Amino acid sequence: MVDEAILFSILRGFFSATEIQWDNAVKDWMESVSNKTQVPLLK
């Protein structure tokens, strides 16, 4: 199983890609983790 922090780090690198259509659940989770950890998403 992939650790949540590792998954967040991997996805964070792809978050700025405009051609990726993120599922709302994934987007909400990414924003939630970003807020909790105070690690900004790449936009």
C-alpha atoms as a PDB file:
ATOM      1  CA  MET A   1       0.000   0.000   0.000  1.00  0.00           C
ATOM      2  CA  VAL A   2       1.267   3.453  -0.920  1.00  0.00           C
ATOM      3  CA  ASP A   3       1.665   5.889   1.951  1.00  0.00           C
ATOM      4  CA  GLU A   4      -0.684   8.906   1.722  1.00  0.00           C
ATOM      5  CA  ALA A   5       2.229  11.374   1.782  1.00  0.00           C
ATOM      6  CA  ILE A   6       3.958   9.569  -1.099  1.00  0.00           C
ATOM      7  CA  LEU A   7       0.755   9.470  -3.134  1.00  0.00           C
ATOM      8  CA  PHE A   8       0.185  13.177  -2.488  1.00  0.00           C
ATOM      9  CA  SER A   9       3.752  13.976  -3.576  1.00  0.00           C
ATOM     10  CA  ILE A  10       3.377  11.990  -6.791  1.00  0.00           C
ATOM     11  CA  LEU A  11       0.008  13.504  -7.695  1.00  0.00           C
ATOM     12  CA  ARG A  12       1.164  17.001  -6.746  1.00  0.00           C
ATOM     13  CA  GLY A  13       3.617  16.886  -9.628  1.00  0.00           C
ATOM     14  CA  PHE A  14       0.781  16.225 -12.075  1.00  0.00           C
ATOM     15  CA  PHE A  15      -1.713  18.647 -10.509  1.00  0.00           C
ATOM     16  CA  SER A  16      -0.571  21.596 -12.622  1.00  0.00           C
ATOM     17  CA  ALA A  17      -1.194  19.757 -15.899  1.00  0.00           C
ATOM     18  CA  THR A  18      -4.218  21.474 -17.431  1.00  0.00           C
ATOM     19  CA  GLU A  19      -5.031  18.566 -19.749  1.00  0.00           C
ATOM     20  CA  ILE A  20      -5.732  16.223 -16.827  1.00  0.00           C
ATOM     21  CA  GLN A  21      -9.397  16.197 -15.821  1.00  0.00           C
ATOM     22  CA  TRP A  22      -9.316  15.408 -12.114  1.00  0.00           C
ATOM     23  CA  ASP A  23     -12.213  13.582 -10.504  1.00  0.00           C
ATOM     24  CA  ASN A  24     -13.855  15.842  -7.911  1.00  0.00           C
ATOM     25  CA  ALA A  25     -13.087  13.360  -5.118  1.00  0.00           C
ATOM     26  CA  VAL A  26      -9.377  13.356  -6.020  1.00  0.00           C
ATOM     27  CA  LYS A  27      -9.310  17.145  -6.368  1.00  0.00           C
ATOM     28  CA  ASP A  28     -11.030  17.591  -2.989  1.00  0.00           C
ATOM     29  CA  TRP A  29      -8.623  15.131  -1.333  1.00  0.00           C
ATOM     30  CA  MET A  30      -5.585  16.880  -2.835  1.00  0.00           C
ATOM     31  CA  GLU A  31      -6.816  20.284  -1.652  1.00  0.00           C
ATOM     32  CA  SER A  32      -7.613  18.880   1.808  1.00  0.00           C
ATOM     33  CA  VAL A  33      -4.150  17.339   2.232  1.00  0.00           C
ATOM     34  CA  SER A  34      -2.567  20.514   0.880  1.00  0.00           C
ATOM     35  CA  ASN A  35      -4.387  22.597   3.484  1.00  0.00           C
ATOM     36  CA  LYS A  36      -3.611  20.202   6.360  1.00  0.00           C
ATOM     37  CA  THR A  37       0.076  19.926   5.526  1.00  0.00           C
ATOM     38  CA  GLN A  38       0.465  23.515   4.313  1.00  0.00           C
ATOM     39  CA  VAL A  39       2.143  22.218   1.153  1.00  0.00           C
ATOM     40  CA  PRO A  40       0.877  24.279  -1.787  1.00  0.00           C
ATOM     41  CA  LEU A  41      -0.381  22.538  -4.888  1.00  0.00           C
ATOM     42  CA  LEU A  42       1.429  23.304  -8.119  1.00  0.00           C
ATOM     43  CA  LYS A  43      -0.894  25.319 -10.321  1.00  0.00           C
END
